[in-house]
Amino acid sequence: MKLKKSNSYALHALMYMVRHITQLPVPLRTISKAERIPHGQLMKIFHRLTKAGFVKDMGRKGYAFERAPQEIMLLDLFELFEGNSIFGDCFMRHCDCGGTDQNCEIFAHWVQATRSLSAVLSKTSVQDAAWNHPEHYFG
């Protein structure tokens, strides 16, 4: 499974906001420069984050959290950019085996693993991620 780069950019931008919460609202140019995320992509990402109610646009001042960062779960964030459930089907879905988790051992393991990961992501907030993730930059 590979998530879109926009998920990584969105998460890192929100983690930046958590780490600088006393300085919010923050302009996208500041986040873009600090995290080395292309400004154009960040604008598109924040449009989606705003539409989803995670952040709010405060005009020239920049962005602030609409929802508290401890209420934004990683699973919700990732599914915003991936669409639907990111664990909805078998990673080998491109074959025509018609396998299910009952008749395919590989698919059964996939279901078990993705349920575990989904549970962790649904309990891990952006705030948790910000304080338990090393700072680094894209480049």
Protein backbone atom coordinates (compact mmCIF):
# COMPACT_ATOMS: atom_id res chain seq x y z
CA MET A 1 0.00 0.00 0.00
CA LYS A 2 1.29 3.42 -0.90
CA LEU A 3 -0.45 6.64 0.07
CA LYS A 4 -0.48 9.73 -2.12
CA LYS A 5 2.20 12.33 -1.49
CA SER A 6 -0.55 14.82 -0.68
CA ASN A 7 -1.25 12.79 2.48
CA SER A 8 2.31 13.24 3.62
CA TYR A 9 2.28 16.95 2.79
CA ALA A 10 -1.04 17.45 4.58
CA LEU A 11 0.14 15.60 7.68
CA HIS A 12 3.43 17.49 7.83
CA ALA A 13 1.69 20.83 7.35
CA LEU A 14 -0.76 20.06 10.16
CA MET A 15 2.06 18.83 12.41
CA TYR A 16 3.85 22.13 11.76
CA MET A 17 0.69 23.96 12.86
CA VAL A 18 0.51 21.86 16.04
CA ARG A 19 4.15 22.60 16.88
CA HIS A 20 3.52 26.33 16.34
CA ILE A 21 -0.02 26.50 17.69
CA THR A 22 0.63 29.68 19.70
CA GLN A 23 1.58 31.44 16.45
CA LEU A 24 -1.60 30.59 14.54
CA PRO A 25 -3.00 31.63 12.18
CA VAL A 26 -0.07 30.91 9.87
CA PRO A 27 0.28 31.80 6.19
CA LEU A 28 0.75 28.92 3.75
CA ARG A 29 4.00 30.51 2.53
CA THR A 30 5.43 30.06 6.02
CA ILE A 31 4.47 26.38 6.14
CA SER A 32 5.66 25.86 2.57
CA LYS A 33 9.05 27.37 3.30
CA ALA A 34 9.49 25.68 6.69
CA GLU A 35 8.48 22.21 5.49
CA ARG A 36 9.75 22.56 1.91
CA ILE A 37 6.36 21.69 0.47
CA PRO A 38 5.54 23.20 -2.94
CA HIS A 39 3.27 26.20 -2.34
CA GLY A 40 0.89 25.35 -5.20
CA GLN A 41 0.28 21.86 -3.84
CA LEU A 42 -0.15 23.22 -0.33
CA MET A 43 -2.86 25.59 -1.56
CA LYS A 44 -4.80 22.67 -3.06
CA ILE A 45 -4.32 20.61 0.10
CA PHE A 46 -5.55 23.39 2.37
CA HIS A 47 -8.57 23.92 0.16
CA ARG A 48 -9.54 20.29 0.84
CA LEU A 49 -8.66 20.55 4.54
CA THR A 50 -10.85 23.65 4.82
CA LYS A 51 -13.73 22.02 2.98
CA ALA A 52 -13.47 19.02 5.33
CA GLY A 53 -13.61 21.29 8.40
CA PHE A 54 -10.11 20.50 9.69
CA VAL A 55 -8.76 24.04 9.26
CA LYS A 56 -10.22 27.47 8.61
CA ASP A 57 -9.04 30.17 6.26
CA MET A 58 -8.50 33.44 8.08
CA GLY A 59 -7.70 35.48 4.99
CA ARG A 60 -4.35 37.24 4.85
CA LYS A 61 -3.45 36.01 8.32
CA GLY A 62 -3.37 32.43 7.10
CA TYR A 63 -4.87 29.26 8.55
CA ALA A 64 -5.83 28.01 11.99
CA PHE A 65 -7.45 24.82 13.21
CA GLU A 66 -11.22 24.56 12.82
CA ARG A 67 -11.21 21.28 14.76
CA ALA A 68 -8.87 20.72 17.66
CA PRO A 69 -5.76 18.83 16.47
CA GLN A 70 -6.44 16.08 19.02
CA GLU A 71 -9.78 15.49 17.26
CA ILE A 72 -8.29 15.05 13.77
CA MET A 73 -7.46 11.38 13.42
CA LEU A 74 -4.88 10.16 10.93
CA LEU A 75 -7.34 7.71 9.37
CA ASP A 76 -9.77 10.56 8.62
CA LEU A 77 -6.98 12.68 7.18
CA PHE A 78 -5.63 9.91 4.95
CA GLU A 79 -9.07 8.92 3.72
CA LEU A 80 -9.78 12.55 2.82
CA PHE A 81 -7.07 12.40 0.18
CA GLU A 82 -7.34 8.73 -0.80
CA GLY A 83 -11.11 8.60 -0.94
CA ASN A 84 -13.23 5.93 0.77
CA SER A 85 -11.52 3.35 2.90
CA ILE A 86 -7.80 3.02 2.25
CA PHE A 87 -8.01 -0.61 3.36
CA GLY A 88 -11.14 -1.59 1.48
CA ASP A 89 -9.82 -4.39 -0.65
CA CYS A 90 -6.98 -6.79 -1.33
CA PHE A 91 -3.67 -5.33 -2.45
CA MET A 92 -3.67 -8.03 -5.16
CA ARG A 93 -7.06 -6.84 -6.43
CA HIS A 94 -5.79 -6.56 -9.99
CA CYS A 95 -6.00 -10.31 -10.54
CA ASP A 96 -9.23 -12.13 -11.36
CA CYS A 97 -8.97 -14.75 -8.62
CA GLY A 98 -12.25 -13.82 -6.96
CA GLY A 99 -10.53 -14.44 -3.65
CA THR A 100 -12.03 -13.55 -0.32
CA ASP A 101 -10.54 -13.59 3.14
CA GLN A 102 -12.21 -17.02 3.54
CA ASN A 103 -10.60 -18.74 0.55
CA CYS A 104 -7.32 -16.82 0.14
CA GLU A 105 -4.70 -16.97 2.87
CA ILE A 106 -2.87 -13.89 1.56
CA PHE A 107 -6.06 -11.83 1.57
CA ALA A 108 -6.91 -13.10 5.06
CA HIS A 109 -3.54 -11.85 6.37
CA TRP A 110 -4.05 -8.55 4.54
CA VAL A 111 -7.46 -8.06 6.18
CA GLN A 112 -6.04 -8.81 9.63
CA ALA A 113 -3.06 -6.47 9.17
CA THR A 114 -5.08 -3.62 7.72
CA ARG A 115 -7.68 -3.85 10.50
CA SER A 116 -4.88 -3.48 13.04
CA LEU A 117 -3.36 -0.53 11.20
CA SER A 118 -6.76 1.08 10.71
CA ALA A 119 -7.42 0.80 14.45
CA VAL A 120 -4.13 2.52 15.26
CA LEU A 121 -4.72 5.30 12.72
CA SER A 122 -8.27 5.87 13.98
CA LYS A 123 -6.91 6.42 17.51
CA THR A 124 -3.87 8.52 16.57
CA SER A 125 -4.47 12.24 16.26
CA VAL A 126 -2.53 14.86 14.35
CA GLN A 127 -1.45 16.19 17.74
CA ASP A 128 -0.10 12.77 18.76
CA ALA A 129 1.75 12.51 15.47
CA ALA A 130 3.29 15.97 15.83
CA TRP A 131 4.91 15.21 19.16
CA ASN A 132 5.93 11.63 18.31
CA HIS A 133 7.54 12.22 14.92
CA PRO A 134 10.99 13.63 14.20
CA GLU A 135 11.07 16.99 12.49
CA HIS A 136 12.41 16.78 8.97
CA TYR A 137 11.89 18.46 5.65
CA PHE A 138 11.00 17.51 2.13
CA GLY A 139 13.72 18.21 -0.34
